[in-house]
Every structure is written in structure tokens, then in C-alpha cells.
PDB file of N, CA and C in Angstrom:
ATOM      1  N   MET A   1     -46.158 128.279  -1.192  1.00  0.00           N
ATOM      2  CA  MET A   1     -44.670 128.042  -0.551  1.00  0.00           C
ATOM      3  C   MET A   1     -44.942 126.867   0.524  1.00  0.00           C
ATOM      4  N   SER A   2     -44.895 125.720   0.003  1.00  0.00           N
ATOM      5  CA  SER A   2     -45.181 124.606   0.894  1.00  0.00           C
ATOM      6  C   SER A   2     -43.894 124.444   1.662  1.00  0.00           C
ATOM      7  N   GLY A   3     -44.300 124.435   3.006  1.00  0.00           N
ATOM      8  CA  GLY A   3     -43.032 123.852   3.826  1.00  0.00           C
ATOM      9  C   GLY A   3     -42.074 125.011   4.187  1.00  0.00           C
ATOM     10  N   THR A   4     -42.073 126.011   3.637  1.00  0.00           N
ATOM     11  CA  THR A   4     -41.235 127.172   4.099  1.00  0.00           C
ATOM     12  C   THR A   4     -41.958 128.263   5.094  1.00  0.00           C
ATOM     13  N   ARG A   5     -41.249 128.986   5.766  1.00  0.00           N
ATOM     14  CA  ARG A   5     -41.528 129.811   6.725  1.00  0.00           C
ATOM     15  C   ARG A   5     -40.963 130.961   6.592  1.00  0.00           C
ATOM     16  N   SER A   6     -41.605 132.206   6.588  1.00  0.00           N
ATOM     17  CA  SER A   6     -40.842 133.370   6.318  1.00  0.00           C
ATOM     18  C   SER A   6     -40.247 133.854   7.797  1.00  0.00           C
ATOM     19  N   PRO A   7     -39.053 134.391   7.823  1.00  0.00           N
ATOM     20  CA  PRO A   7     -38.504 134.681   9.055  1.00  0.00           C
ATOM     21  C   PRO A   7     -39.482 135.845   9.954  1.00  0.00           C
ATOM     22  N   SER A   8     -39.299 135.843  11.108  1.00  0.00           N
ATOM     23  CA  SER A   8     -40.286 136.612  11.931  1.00  0.00           C
ATOM     24  C   SER A   8     -39.883 138.059  11.667  1.00  0.00           C
ATOM     25  N   ARG A   9     -40.655 139.020  11.719  1.00  0.00           N
ATOM     26  CA  ARG A   9     -40.247 140.377  11.692  1.00  0.00           C
ATOM     27  C   ARG A   9     -40.007 140.943  13.030  1.00  0.00           C
ATOM     28  N   THR A  10     -40.387 140.280  13.948  1.00  0.00           N
ATOM     29  CA  THR A  10     -40.162 140.733  15.188  1.00  0.00           C
ATOM     30  C   THR A  10     -38.920 140.280  16.046  1.00  0.00           C
ATOM     31  N   GLU A  11     -38.370 139.349  15.722  1.00  0.00           N
ATOM     32  CA  GLU A  11     -37.403 138.532  16.209  1.00  0.00           C
ATOM     33  C   GLU A  11     -35.983 138.781  15.196  1.00  0.00           C
ATOM     34  N   PRO A  12     -34.921 139.074  15.496  1.00  0.00           N
ATOM     35  CA  PRO A  12     -33.785 139.071  14.781  1.00  0.00           C
ATOM     36  C   PRO A  12     -33.384 137.429  14.559  1.00  0.00           C
ATOM     37  N   PRO A  13     -32.623 137.283  13.467  1.00  0.00           N
ATOM     38  CA  PRO A  13     -32.231 135.976  13.091  1.00  0.00           C
ATOM     39  C   PRO A  13     -31.061 135.635  14.067  1.00  0.00           C
ATOM     40  N   THR A  14     -30.899 134.278  14.661  1.00  0.00           N
ATOM     41  CA  THR A  14     -29.853 133.958  15.447  1.00  0.00           C
ATOM     42  C   THR A  14     -28.746 133.093  14.741  1.00  0.00           C
ATOM     43  N   GLU A  15     -28.950 132.652  13.850  1.00  0.00           N
ATOM     44  CA  GLU A  15     -28.103 131.805  12.917  1.00  0.00           C
ATOM     45  C   GLU A  15     -26.922 132.766  12.298  1.00  0.00           C
ATOM     46  N   GLY A  16     -25.784 132.508  12.577  1.00  0.00           N
ATOM     47  CA  GLY A  16     -24.685 133.331  12.027  1.00  0.00           C
ATOM     48  C   GLY A  16     -24.491 134.740  12.591  1.00  0.00           C
ATOM     49  N   ARG A  17     -24.932 134.755  13.674  1.00  0.00           N
ATOM     50  CA  ARG A  17     -25.119 136.213  14.399  1.00  0.00           C
ATOM     51  C   ARG A  17     -23.882 136.139  15.375  1.00  0.00           C
ATOM     52  N   TRP A  18     -23.257 137.387  15.351  1.00  0.00           N
ATOM     53  CA  TRP A  18     -22.096 137.446  16.342  1.00  0.00           C
ATOM     54  C   TRP A  18     -22.451 137.494  17.842  1.00  0.00           C
ATOM     55  N   PRO A  19     -22.077 136.817  18.628  1.00  0.00           N
ATOM     56  CA  PRO A  19     -22.333 136.968  20.070  1.00  0.00           C
ATOM     57  C   PRO A  19     -21.750 138.194  20.670  1.00  0.00           C
ATOM     58  N   LEU A  20     -22.305 138.805  21.803  1.00  0.00           N
ATOM     59  CA  LEU A  20     -21.823 140.005  22.174  1.00  0.00           C
ATOM     60  C   LEU A  20     -20.490 139.841  22.877  1.00  0.00           C
ATOM     61  N   TRP A  21     -20.070 138.742  23.194  1.00  0.00           N
ATOM     62  CA  TRP A  21     -18.693 138.654  23.881  1.00  0.00           C
ATOM     63  C   TRP A  21     -17.689 138.563  22.901  1.00  0.00           C
ATOM     64  N   LYS A  22     -18.032 137.955  21.622  1.00  0.00           N
ATOM     65  CA  LYS A  22     -17.097 138.401  20.610  1.00  0.00           C
ATOM     66  C   LYS A  22     -16.882 139.473  20.095  1.00  0.00           C
ATOM     67  N   LEU A  23     -17.852 140.356  19.813  1.00  0.00           N
ATOM     68  CA  LEU A  23     -17.712 141.859  19.484  1.00  0.00           C
ATOM     69  C   LEU A  23     -17.144 142.578  20.628  1.00  0.00           C
ATOM     70  N   GLY A  24     -17.071 142.110  21.824  1.00  0.00           N
ATOM     71  CA  GLY A  24     -16.619 142.993  23.033  1.00  0.00           C
ATOM     72  C   GLY A  24     -15.272 142.726  23.024  1.00  0.00           C
ATOM     73  N   LEU A  25     -14.790 141.485  22.649  1.00  0.00           N
ATOM     74  CA  LEU A  25     -13.199 141.247  22.784  1.00  0.00           C
ATOM     75  C   LEU A  25     -12.778 141.978  21.433  1.00  0.00           C
ATOM     76  N   LEU A  26     -13.453 142.089  20.294  1.00  0.00           N
ATOM     77  CA  LEU A  26     -12.907 142.837  19.056  1.00  0.00           C
ATOM     78  C   LEU A  26     -12.857 144.265  19.483  1.00  0.00           C
ATOM     79  N   LEU A  27     -14.017 144.736  20.032  1.00  0.00           N
ATOM     80  CA  LEU A  27     -13.935 146.350  20.382  1.00  0.00           C
ATOM     81  C   LEU A  27     -13.187 146.682  21.515  1.00  0.00           C
ATOM     82  N   TYR A  28     -12.999 145.829  22.582  1.00  0.00           N
ATOM     83  CA  TYR A  28     -12.559 146.555  23.882  1.00  0.00           C
ATOM     84  C   TYR A  28     -11.223 147.655  23.675  1.00  0.00           C
ATOM     85  N   PRO A  29     -10.315 146.989  23.075  1.00  0.00           N
ATOM     86  CA  PRO A  29      -9.217 147.926  23.037  1.00  0.00           C
ATOM     87  C   PRO A  29      -9.514 149.343  22.392  1.00  0.00           C
ATOM     88  N   PHE A  30     -10.405 149.398  21.369  1.00  0.00           N
ATOM     89  CA  PHE A  30     -10.661 150.710  20.845  1.00  0.00           C
ATOM     90  C   PHE A  30     -11.418 151.505  21.809  1.00  0.00           C
ATOM     91  N   VAL A  31     -12.439 150.781  22.435  1.00  0.00           N
ATOM     92  CA  VAL A  31     -13.329 151.413  23.265  1.00  0.00           C
ATOM     93  C   VAL A  31     -12.614 152.018  24.564  1.00  0.00           C
ATOM     94  N   ALA A  32     -11.877 151.140  25.180  1.00  0.00           N
ATOM     95  CA  ALA A  32     -11.142 151.498  26.285  1.00  0.00           C
ATOM     96  C   ALA A  32     -10.198 152.671  26.032  1.00  0.00           C
ATOM     97  N   ALA A  33      -9.532 152.636  24.704  1.00  0.00           N
ATOM     98  CA  ALA A  33      -8.724 153.834  24.483  1.00  0.00           C
ATOM     99  C   ALA A  33      -9.611 155.220  24.384  1.00  0.00           C
ATOM    100  N   ALA A  34     -10.691 155.017  23.727  1.00  0.00           N
ATOM    101  CA  ALA A  34     -11.590 156.171  23.649  1.00  0.00           C
ATOM    102  C   ALA A  34     -12.181 156.646  24.878  1.00  0.00           C
ATOM    103  N   VAL A  35     -12.372 155.668  25.971  1.00  0.00           N
ATOM    104  CA  VAL A  35     -12.665 156.175  27.367  1.00  0.00           C
ATOM    105  C   VAL A  35     -11.501 156.907  27.922  1.00  0.00           C
ATOM    106  N   ALA A  36     -10.408 156.372  27.708  1.00  0.00           N
ATOM    107  CA  ALA A  36      -9.077 156.941  28.417  1.00  0.00           C
ATOM    108  C   ALA A  36      -8.986 158.435  28.023  1.00  0.00           C
ATOM    109  N   ILE A  37      -8.992 158.605  26.438  1.00  0.00           N
ATOM    110  CA  ILE A  37      -8.766 159.739  26.146  1.00  0.00           C
ATOM    111  C   ILE A  37     -10.086 160.825  26.399  1.00  0.00           C
ATOM    112  N   ASN A  38     -11.200 160.251  26.635  1.00  0.00           N
ATOM    113  CA  ASN A  38     -12.347 161.289  27.190  1.00  0.00           C
ATOM    114  C   ASN A  38     -12.093 161.520  28.548  1.00  0.00           C
ATOM    115  N   LEU A  39     -11.568 160.821  29.506  1.00  0.00           N
ATOM    116  CA  LEU A  39     -11.352 160.981  30.700  1.00  0.00           C
ATOM    117  C   LEU A  39     -10.279 161.895  30.921  1.00  0.00           C
ATOM    118  N   PHE A  40      -9.199 161.749  29.945  1.00  0.00           N
ATOM    119  CA  PHE A  40      -7.998 162.697  30.044  1.00  0.00           C
ATOM    120  C   PHE A  40      -8.485 164.158  29.741  1.00  0.00           C
ATOM    121  N   MET A  41      -9.265 164.234  28.588  1.00  0.00           N
ATOM    122  CA  MET A  41      -9.885 165.509  28.142  1.00  0.00           C
ATOM    123  C   MET A  41     -10.773 165.988  29.384  1.00  0.00           C
ATOM    124  N   LEU A  42     -11.552 165.185  29.823  1.00  0.00           N
ATOM    125  CA  LEU A  42     -12.655 165.826  31.290  1.00  0.00           C
ATOM    126  C   LEU A  42     -11.637 166.313  32.243  1.00  0.00           C
ATOM    127  N   GLY A  43     -10.738 165.560  32.545  1.00  0.00           N
ATOM    128  CA  GLY A  43      -9.595 166.240  33.590  1.00  0.00           C
ATOM    129  C   GLY A  43      -8.966 167.489  33.162  1.00  0.00           C
ATOM    130  N   LEU A  44      -8.553 167.784  31.921  1.00  0.00           N
ATOM    131  CA  LEU A  44      -8.224 168.985  31.504  1.00  0.00           C
ATOM    132  C   LEU A  44      -9.308 170.170  31.483  1.00  0.00           C
ATOM    133  N   MET A  45     -10.482 169.646  31.234  1.00  0.00           N
ATOM    134  CA  MET A  45     -11.572 170.768  31.307  1.00  0.00           C
ATOM    135  C   MET A  45     -11.953 170.889  32.951  1.00  0.00           C
ATOM    136  N   GLY A  46     -11.395 169.900  33.650  1.00  0.00           N
ATOM    137  CA  GLY A  46     -11.868 170.311  34.876  1.00  0.00           C
ATOM    138  C   GLY A  46     -10.879 171.275  35.799  1.00  0.00           C
ATOM    139  N   GLN A  47      -9.780 171.550  34.931  1.00  0.00           N
ATOM    140  CA  GLN A  47      -8.971 172.456  35.525  1.00  0.00           C
ATOM    141  C   GLN A  47      -9.818 173.999  35.454  1.00  0.00           C
ATOM    142  N   ALA A  48     -10.642 174.142  34.722  1.00  0.00           N
ATOM    143  CA  ALA A  48     -11.195 175.279  34.512  1.00  0.00           C
ATOM    144  C   ALA A  48     -11.977 175.716  35.579  1.00  0.00           C
ATOM    145  N   VAL A  49     -12.553 174.819  36.427  1.00  0.00           N
ATOM    146  CA  VAL A  49     -13.269 174.920  37.565  1.00  0.00           C
ATOM    147  C   VAL A  49     -12.474 174.621  38.895  1.00  0.00           C
ATOM    148  N   GLY A  50     -11.129 174.416  38.901  1.00  0.00           N
ATOM    149  CA  GLY A  50     -10.375 174.290  39.944  1.00  0.00           C
ATOM    150  C   GLY A  50      -9.852 172.921  40.224  1.00  0.00           C
ATOM    151  N   LEU A  51     -10.307 171.885  39.725  1.00  0.00           N
ATOM    152  CA  LEU A  51      -9.720 170.365  39.737  1.00  0.00           C
ATOM    153  C   LEU A  51      -8.314 170.276  39.175  1.00  0.00           C
ATOM    154  N   SER A  52      -7.735 169.306  39.798  1.00  0.00           N
ATOM    155  CA  SER A  52      -6.528 169.021  39.263  1.00  0.00           C
ATOM    156  C   SER A  52      -6.776 168.157  38.048  1.00  0.00           C
ATOM    157  N   ALA A  53      -5.745 168.236  37.219  1.00  0.00           N
ATOM    158  CA  ALA A  53      -5.692 167.326  35.865  1.00  0.00           C
ATOM    159  C   ALA A  53      -5.211 165.745  36.230  1.00  0.00           C
ATOM    160  N   LEU A  54      -5.917 164.994  35.405  1.00  0.00           N
ATOM    161  CA  LEU A  54      -5.705 163.601  35.602  1.00  0.00           C
ATOM    162  C   LEU A  54      -4.233 163.301  34.795  1.00  0.00           C
ATOM    163  N   SER A  55      -3.578 162.627  35.465  1.00  0.00           N
ATOM    164  CA  SER A  55      -2.486 162.133  34.849  1.00  0.00           C
ATOM    165  C   SER A  55      -2.754 161.114  33.643  1.00  0.00           C
ATOM    166  N   PRO A  56      -1.962 161.056  32.657  1.00  0.00           N
ATOM    167  CA  PRO A  56      -2.034 159.950  31.441  1.00  0.00           C
ATOM    168  C   PRO A  56      -2.379 158.532  32.156  1.00  0.00           C
ATOM    169  N   LEU A  57      -1.250 158.189  33.013  1.00  0.00           N
ATOM    170  CA  LEU A  57      -1.323 156.801  33.614  1.00  0.00           C
ATOM    171  C   LEU A  57      -2.606 156.546  34.363  1.00  0.00           C
ATOM    172  N   LEU A  58      -3.209 157.562  35.178  1.00  0.00           N
ATOM    173  CA  LEU A  58      -4.341 157.469  35.909  1.00  0.00           C
ATOM    174  C   LEU A  58      -5.533 157.291  35.031  1.00  0.00           C
ATOM    175  N   THR A  59      -5.481 157.789  33.896  1.00  0.00           N
ATOM    176  CA  THR A  59      -6.662 157.744  32.873  1.00  0.00           C
ATOM    177  C   THR A  59      -6.534 156.458  32.347  1.00  0.00           C
ATOM    178  N   LEU A  60      -5.419 155.845  32.114  1.00  0.00           N
ATOM    179  CA  LEU A  60      -5.323 154.604  31.456  1.00  0.00           C
ATOM    180  C   LEU A  60      -5.931 153.628  32.535  1.00  0.00           C
ATOM    181  N   ALA A  61      -5.453 153.570  33.845  1.00  0.00           N
ATOM    182  CA  ALA A  61      -5.844 152.710  34.724  1.00  0.00           C
ATOM    183  C   ALA A  61      -7.272 152.931  35.098  1.00  0.00           C
ATOM    184  N   LEU A  62      -8.082 153.980  34.879  1.00  0.00           N
ATOM    185  CA  LEU A  62      -9.426 154.124  34.980  1.00  0.00           C
ATOM    186  C   LEU A  62     -10.067 153.613  33.838  1.00  0.00           C
ATOM    187  N   SER A  63      -9.488 153.717  32.591  1.00  0.00           N
ATOM    188  CA  SER A  63     -10.178 153.167  31.458  1.00  0.00           C
ATOM    189  C   SER A  63     -10.545 151.616  31.424  1.00  0.00           C
ATOM    190  N   VAL A  64      -9.603 151.008  32.130  1.00  0.00           N
ATOM    191  CA  VAL A  64      -9.822 149.426  32.157  1.00  0.00           C
ATOM    192  C   VAL A  64     -11.030 149.007  32.648  1.00  0.00           C
ATOM    193  N   PRO A  65     -11.349 149.339  33.817  1.00  0.00           N
ATOM    194  CA  PRO A  65     -12.721 148.894  34.189  1.00  0.00           C
ATOM    195  C   PRO A  65     -13.989 149.653  33.672  1.00  0.00           C
ATOM    196  N   LEU A  66     -13.671 151.088  33.518  1.00  0.00           N
ATOM    197  CA  LEU A  66     -14.738 151.989  32.838  1.00  0.00           C
ATOM    198  C   LEU A  66     -14.860 151.560  31.203  1.00  0.00           C
ATOM    199  N   GLY A  67     -13.912 150.733  30.676  1.00  0.00           N
ATOM    200  CA  GLY A  67     -14.063 150.275  29.232  1.00  0.00           C
ATOM    201  C   GLY A  67     -15.175 149.246  29.162  1.00  0.00           C
ATOM    202  N   LEU A  68     -15.254 148.476  30.131  1.00  0.00           N
ATOM    203  CA  LEU A  68     -16.173 147.194  30.197  1.00  0.00           C
ATOM    204  C   LEU A  68     -17.682 147.463  29.735  1.00  0.00           C
ATOM    205  N   PRO A  69     -18.196 148.347  30.552  1.00  0.00           N
ATOM    206  CA  PRO A  69     -19.735 148.772  30.377  1.00  0.00           C
ATOM    207  C   PRO A  69     -19.892 149.458  28.947  1.00  0.00           C
ATOM    208  N   ALA A  70     -18.881 150.375  28.763  1.00  0.00           N
ATOM    209  CA  ALA A  70     -18.986 150.958  27.452  1.00  0.00           C
ATOM    210  C   ALA A  70     -18.658 150.006  26.069  1.00  0.00           C
ATOM    211  N   THR A  71     -17.756 148.947  26.398  1.00  0.00           N
ATOM    212  CA  THR A  71     -17.746 148.115  25.472  1.00  0.00           C
ATOM    213  C   THR A  71     -18.949 147.347  25.216  1.00  0.00           C
ATOM    214  N   TRP A  72     -19.683 147.009  26.485  1.00  0.00           N
ATOM    215  CA  TRP A  72     -21.003 146.100  26.189  1.00  0.00           C
ATOM    216  C   TRP A  72     -21.946 146.837  25.304  1.00  0.00           C
ATOM    217  N   LEU A  73     -22.093 148.310  25.669  1.00  0.00           N
ATOM    218  CA  LEU A  73     -22.889 149.187  24.896  1.00  0.00           C
ATOM    219  C   LEU A  73     -22.426 149.309  23.406  1.00  0.00           C
ATOM    220  N   ALA A  74     -21.331 149.464  23.183  1.00  0.00           N
ATOM    221  CA  ALA A  74     -20.716 149.498  21.792  1.00  0.00           C
ATOM    222  C   ALA A  74     -21.175 148.360  21.098  1.00  0.00           C
ATOM    223  N   ALA A  75     -21.085 147.017  21.715  1.00  0.00           N
ATOM    224  CA  ALA A  75     -21.206 145.694  21.115  1.00  0.00           C
ATOM    225  C   ALA A  75     -22.599 145.504  20.789  1.00  0.00           C
ATOM    226  N   ARG A  76     -23.443 146.104  21.594  1.00  0.00           N
ATOM    227  CA  ARG A  76     -24.837 145.794  21.221  1.00  0.00           C
ATOM    228  C   ARG A  76     -25.188 146.892  20.170  1.00  0.00           C
ATOM    229  N   TRP A  77     -24.532 148.009  19.993  1.00  0.00           N
ATOM    230  CA  TRP A  77     -25.031 148.786  19.117  1.00  0.00           C
ATOM    231  C   TRP A  77     -24.377 148.344  17.630  1.00  0.00           C
ATOM    232  N   VAL A  78     -23.291 147.658  17.666  1.00  0.00           N
ATOM    233  CA  VAL A  78     -22.614 147.268  16.428  1.00  0.00           C
ATOM    234  C   VAL A  78     -23.410 145.943  15.954  1.00  0.00           C
ATOM    235  N   ARG A  79     -23.932 145.145  16.910  1.00  0.00           N
ATOM    236  CA  ARG A  79     -24.573 143.971  16.656  1.00  0.00           C
ATOM    237  C   ARG A  79     -26.163 144.438  16.107  1.00  0.00           C
ATOM    238  N   HIS A  80     -26.576 145.386  16.729  1.00  0.00           N
ATOM    239  CA  HIS A  80     -27.840 146.035  15.843  1.00  0.00           C
ATOM    240  C   HIS A  80     -27.552 146.252  14.555  1.00  0.00           C
ATOM    241  N   LEU A  81     -26.452 147.090  14.296  1.00  0.00           N
ATOM    242  CA  LEU A  81     -26.311 147.689  12.962  1.00  0.00           C
ATOM    243  C   LEU A  81     -25.943 146.484  12.096  1.00  0.00           C
ATOM    244  N   ILE A  82     -25.415 145.373  12.660  1.00  0.00           N
ATOM    245  CA  ILE A  82     -25.281 144.217  11.549  1.00  0.00           C
ATOM    246  C   ILE A  82     -26.497 143.563  11.293  1.00  0.00           C
ATOM    247  N   ASP A  83     -27.284 143.355  12.365  1.00  0.00           N
ATOM    248  CA  ASP A  83     -28.546 142.879  12.117  1.00  0.00           C
ATOM    249  C   ASP A  83     -29.674 143.679  11.225  1.00  0.00           C
ATOM    250  N   GLU A  84     -29.328 145.020  11.296  1.00  0.00           N
ATOM    251  CA  GLU A  84     -30.159 145.777  10.402  1.00  0.00           C
ATOM    252  C   GLU A  84     -29.698 145.562   8.862  1.00  0.00           C
ATOM    253  N   ALA A  85     -28.558 145.560   8.780  1.00  0.00           N
ATOM    254  CA  ALA A  85     -27.806 145.390   7.650  1.00  0.00           C
ATOM    255  C   ALA A  85     -28.137 144.161   6.830  1.00  0.00           C
ATOM    256  N   GLY A  86     -28.666 143.128   7.562  1.00  0.00           N
ATOM    257  CA  GLY A  86     -28.950 141.637   7.078  1.00  0.00           C
ATOM    258  C   GLY A  86     -27.597 140.839   6.974  1.00  0.00           C
ATOM    259  N   GLY A  87     -26.616 141.306   7.669  1.00  0.00           N
ATOM    260  CA  GLY A  87     -25.404 140.517   7.770  1.00  0.00           C
ATOM    261  C   GLY A  87     -25.255 139.591   8.634  1.00  0.00           C
TER     262      GLY A  87
END
């Protein structure tokens, strides 16, 4: 193999790779909605121990900032899956 180099097995390829911010923009609405649903259900379960239920509007308002770290984690996970698939 004259002049060719095999790709490193330790470092993922960077050409054609989706950056995290693009994946994050794509995934944010879905992740924030999942966070809102989980917060709402957590609020309902909190009633069993004497806490008041969270309103749907409050859970939507809380899911906006809490969706950011969850989106970052989801984007990292999805990019890892894409890299693993070779795409």
C-alpha cells in the first residue's frame, strides 16, 4: 500500500462528521418535550408523598433550560452511534 494510511482505530474520523451543535438543534425539540413529560410525571408521583403537582405550563417552562444538558447528552450519544455505524 504505497502512500495510503489506514485510519486510526483510536480516533474517530472527523470528515463528514456531524458537529454536536447541529445534532443538538435537530434533537432539542424532542429532548425538551421528553424532559417536560418526565417532569410532569415526576410531579404526579410527588403527590404520593405530599408534594403538590406541577402544572403543565410550569413543566414546559422548566423543560426549556433543563432540556439543554439533556440535549447535549443525547447529541453525544447519537453522534457516537453514527460513528459506530460508520456513517
